[in-house]
């Protein structure tokens, strides 16, 4: 069987279905760590659903924002970002003959670090200046991401009697070109919350981080 021809036919079928069922969307393909949605890669028709059969029986479930995309898959890669209406997704997995797996984002984040961390990721030492933004340098700006409660990381600091420990969080975001996300980097979600990255793991799906929320 001609694998290339089959991929083309499947992509064409997805495109026809998206034209009938979907809405106008914009696809981005980041090439730098700054402003990944500054320049569109393509204009497409797309629909999203939590059911891979696209029965459209219900919306994405609360705190389970992993959905499937119905769109032309001829030019789709993991790491692409797709905006449709007021919603933003990034493609976590794209395989032949299958609808891409996407993550519905709920934040736009900026990652920053100190020069010590940037120069020596093997022995990061940025925790000491976690509250001093003047000592930090932004290394990735305006990236769509998913932040949700989960298995997070504690942030070192003084222990006060009766102090309330912050809950754990996890973050999913696309792979950022030329940047390796490391522990001791910081995340600003643009809505007044800042987090410290306690652990990060890159994979073909993107980057998954453990976060500790800064209280001061």
Protein backbone atom coordinates (compact mmCIF):
# COMPACT_ATOMS: atom_id res chain seq x y z
CA UNK A 1 0.00 0.00 0.00
CA UNK A 2 1.13 3.53 -0.77
CA UNK A 3 1.60 5.09 2.68
CA UNK A 4 2.02 8.61 1.33
CA UNK A 5 -1.16 8.37 -0.74
CA UNK A 6 -3.12 7.04 2.24
CA UNK A 7 -1.92 9.91 4.42
CA UNK A 8 -3.01 12.35 1.73
CA UNK A 9 -6.47 10.78 1.48
CA UNK A 10 -6.93 10.79 5.26
CA UNK A 11 -5.87 14.43 5.50
CA UNK A 12 -8.24 15.34 2.70
CA UNK A 13 -11.10 13.55 4.45
CA UNK A 14 -10.40 15.40 7.71
CA UNK A 15 -10.29 18.69 5.78
CA UNK A 16 -13.67 18.06 4.14
CA UNK A 17 -15.25 17.18 7.48
CA UNK A 18 -13.73 20.26 9.15
CA UNK A 19 -15.11 22.47 6.37
CA UNK A 20 -18.62 21.21 7.13
CA UNK A 21 -18.39 21.04 10.93
CA UNK A 22 -15.64 23.42 11.97
CA UNK A 23 -14.98 27.11 12.38
CA UNK A 24 -12.21 29.39 11.06
CA UNK A 25 -8.96 28.92 12.96
CA UNK A 26 -5.38 30.15 12.79
CA UNK A 27 -2.40 27.81 12.95
CA UNK A 28 1.00 28.95 14.26
CA UNK A 29 4.36 27.19 14.11
CA UNK A 30 6.79 28.76 16.60
CA UNK A 31 10.42 29.16 15.58
CA UNK A 32 11.76 31.32 18.44
CA UNK A 33 11.13 31.52 22.21
CA UNK A 34 9.50 34.95 21.86
CA UNK A 35 5.87 35.59 20.87
CA UNK A 36 5.01 32.22 19.28
CA UNK A 37 1.67 33.51 17.98
CA UNK A 38 3.02 36.63 16.30
CA UNK A 39 3.04 35.27 12.73
CA UNK A 40 0.34 32.90 11.38
CA UNK A 41 1.49 29.75 9.61
CA UNK A 42 -1.86 28.93 8.00
CA UNK A 43 -5.59 29.64 8.08
CA UNK A 44 -7.66 26.48 8.52
CA UNK A 45 -11.10 25.21 9.38
CA UNK A 46 -11.10 23.23 12.62
CA UNK A 47 -13.34 21.58 15.18
CA UNK A 48 -12.38 20.17 18.57
CA UNK A 49 -14.00 17.46 20.65
CA UNK A 50 -13.14 15.24 23.61
CA UNK A 51 -14.41 12.21 21.66
CA UNK A 52 -12.09 10.91 18.94
CA UNK A 53 -15.19 9.83 16.98
CA UNK A 54 -16.33 13.47 16.95
CA UNK A 55 -19.82 12.75 18.21
CA UNK A 56 -19.95 16.25 19.75
CA UNK A 57 -21.98 14.87 22.66
CA UNK A 58 -20.43 17.26 25.18
CA UNK A 59 -17.69 19.83 25.84
CA UNK A 60 -14.23 19.19 27.21
CA UNK A 61 -14.54 17.92 30.77
CA UNK A 62 -13.63 20.04 33.77
CA UNK A 63 -9.87 19.92 34.38
CA UNK A 64 -9.44 17.30 31.62
CA UNK A 65 -8.78 19.59 28.65
CA UNK A 66 -7.26 17.01 26.30
CA UNK A 67 -9.21 16.98 23.06
CA UNK A 68 -8.95 15.85 19.46
CA UNK A 69 -8.75 18.19 16.48
CA UNK A 70 -10.63 17.81 13.22
CA UNK A 71 -8.67 19.72 10.56
CA UNK A 72 -6.54 19.24 7.48
CA UNK A 73 -3.60 17.20 8.79
CA UNK A 74 -1.43 17.54 5.66
CA UNK A 75 0.70 20.17 7.38
CA UNK A 76 0.35 19.62 11.12
CA UNK A 77 3.15 19.01 13.61
CA UNK A 78 3.40 18.47 17.34
CA UNK A 79 4.06 21.86 18.89
CA UNK A 80 1.83 23.80 16.51
CA UNK A 81 -0.56 26.24 18.17
CA UNK A 82 -4.13 26.67 16.94
CA UNK A 83 -6.49 29.46 17.93
CA UNK A 84 -10.20 29.06 17.24
CA UNK A 85 -12.58 31.72 18.48
CA UNK A 86 -11.66 32.57 22.06
CA UNK A 87 -9.85 29.28 22.65
CA UNK A 88 -6.20 28.34 22.17
CA UNK A 89 -4.83 24.82 21.78
CA UNK A 90 -1.42 23.33 21.18
CA UNK A 91 -0.94 20.07 19.32
CA UNK A 92 0.66 17.47 21.57
CA UNK A 93 0.69 14.54 19.16
CA UNK A 94 0.18 14.19 15.41
CA UNK A 95 0.27 10.74 13.80
CA UNK A 96 -0.76 9.44 10.34
CA UNK A 97 -4.44 8.58 9.84
CA UNK A 98 -5.43 9.89 13.30
CA UNK A 99 -6.89 13.16 14.56
CA UNK A 100 -4.20 15.18 16.39
CA UNK A 101 -4.29 15.22 20.18
CA UNK A 102 -4.50 18.77 21.54
CA UNK A 103 -4.27 20.53 24.89
CA UNK A 104 -6.76 23.30 25.63
CA UNK A 105 -4.78 26.15 27.20
CA UNK A 106 -5.92 28.37 30.05
CA UNK A 107 -2.93 30.69 30.47
CA UNK A 108 -0.33 32.65 28.55
CA UNK A 109 2.98 32.41 30.36
CA UNK A 110 6.40 34.01 30.38
CA UNK A 111 9.40 32.01 31.60
CA UNK A 112 12.34 33.74 33.24
CA UNK A 113 15.61 32.80 34.90
CA UNK A 114 18.72 34.29 36.45
CA UNK A 115 22.05 34.42 34.71
CA UNK A 116 23.30 31.75 37.14
CA UNK A 117 20.69 29.27 35.96
CA UNK A 118 21.15 30.19 32.32
CA UNK A 119 24.91 29.69 32.58
CA UNK A 120 24.87 26.48 34.59
CA UNK A 121 21.71 24.43 34.24
CA UNK A 122 23.48 21.46 35.82
CA UNK A 123 23.53 23.23 39.20
CA UNK A 124 20.69 25.76 39.19
CA UNK A 125 20.80 28.31 41.98
CA UNK A 126 17.95 30.67 41.24
CA UNK A 127 15.77 30.04 44.25
CA UNK A 128 17.54 32.70 46.31
CA UNK A 129 16.22 35.48 44.08
CA UNK A 130 12.75 34.10 43.37
CA UNK A 131 11.16 37.31 44.63
CA UNK A 132 13.62 39.70 43.01
CA UNK A 133 12.31 40.20 39.50
CA UNK A 134 15.06 42.72 38.75
CA UNK A 135 17.58 39.86 38.82
CA UNK A 136 15.60 37.76 36.34
CA UNK A 137 15.74 37.61 32.56
CA UNK A 138 12.81 36.51 30.40
CA UNK A 139 13.81 33.57 28.19
CA UNK A 140 10.40 32.74 26.64
CA UNK A 141 7.46 35.12 26.31
CA UNK A 142 3.71 34.77 25.70
CA UNK A 143 3.45 30.98 25.44
CA UNK A 144 0.02 29.34 25.69
CA UNK A 145 -0.02 26.72 28.42
CA UNK A 146 -2.26 24.66 30.63
CA UNK A 147 -1.84 25.16 34.39
CA UNK A 148 -3.90 23.03 36.74
CA UNK A 149 -3.72 21.64 40.29
CA UNK A 150 -1.64 18.51 40.38
CA UNK A 151 1.59 17.01 41.60
CA UNK A 152 3.60 20.13 42.23
CA UNK A 153 6.90 21.10 43.81
CA UNK A 154 7.62 22.80 47.12
CA UNK A 155 9.33 26.18 47.08
CA UNK A 156 12.11 26.57 49.68
CA UNK A 157 11.57 29.35 52.17
CA UNK A 158 11.16 30.17 55.86
CA UNK A 159 8.64 28.08 57.75
CA UNK A 160 6.28 30.18 59.87
CA UNK A 161 4.11 28.71 62.65
CA UNK A 162 0.64 28.20 61.24
CA UNK A 163 1.82 28.89 57.72
CA UNK A 164 -0.33 27.51 54.90
CA UNK A 165 1.56 25.51 52.32
CA UNK A 166 0.71 26.19 48.71
CA UNK A 167 -0.96 23.49 46.69
CA UNK A 168 0.86 21.66 43.93
CA UNK A 169 0.42 22.57 40.27
CA UNK A 170 1.45 21.14 36.95
CA UNK A 171 1.95 22.88 33.63
CA UNK A 172 1.80 21.58 30.07
CA UNK A 173 3.22 23.63 27.23
CA UNK A 174 4.61 23.03 23.74
CA UNK A 175 8.29 22.42 23.22
CA UNK A 176 9.96 25.84 23.01
CA UNK A 177 12.49 26.15 20.16
CA UNK A 178 16.12 26.53 21.30
CA UNK A 179 15.13 26.51 24.99
CA UNK A 180 15.48 23.71 27.52
CA UNK A 181 13.07 24.29 30.40
CA UNK A 182 14.91 23.71 33.69
CA UNK A 183 14.15 23.58 37.41
CA UNK A 184 14.51 26.92 39.22
CA UNK A 185 13.07 28.87 36.29
CA UNK A 186 9.99 30.97 37.02
CA UNK A 187 6.61 31.19 35.37
CA UNK A 188 4.41 34.28 35.26
CA UNK A 189 0.87 33.53 34.07
CA UNK A 190 0.01 37.16 33.30
CA UNK A 191 -2.87 37.08 35.79
CA UNK A 192 -0.93 37.92 38.94
CA UNK A 193 0.37 34.46 39.86
CA UNK A 194 4.01 33.41 39.76
CA UNK A 195 5.38 29.90 40.05
CA UNK A 196 8.75 28.23 40.53
CA UNK A 197 9.53 25.23 38.34
CA UNK A 198 10.58 22.32 40.54
CA UNK A 199 10.84 19.71 37.81
CA UNK A 200 10.51 19.61 34.02
CA UNK A 201 10.40 16.77 31.54
CA UNK A 202 10.48 17.21 27.78
CA UNK A 203 8.91 14.57 25.53
CA UNK A 204 7.42 14.26 22.04
CA UNK A 205 4.20 15.57 23.60
CA UNK A 206 5.73 18.85 24.78
CA UNK A 207 6.98 19.87 28.23
CA UNK A 208 5.39 18.90 31.53
CA UNK A 209 6.46 20.84 34.61
CA UNK A 210 5.92 20.60 38.34
CA UNK A 211 5.21 24.01 39.82
CA UNK A 212 5.21 25.61 43.24
CA UNK A 213 3.21 28.81 43.56
CA UNK A 214 5.03 31.76 45.09
CA UNK A 215 3.12 33.33 47.96
CA UNK A 216 5.08 36.60 48.07
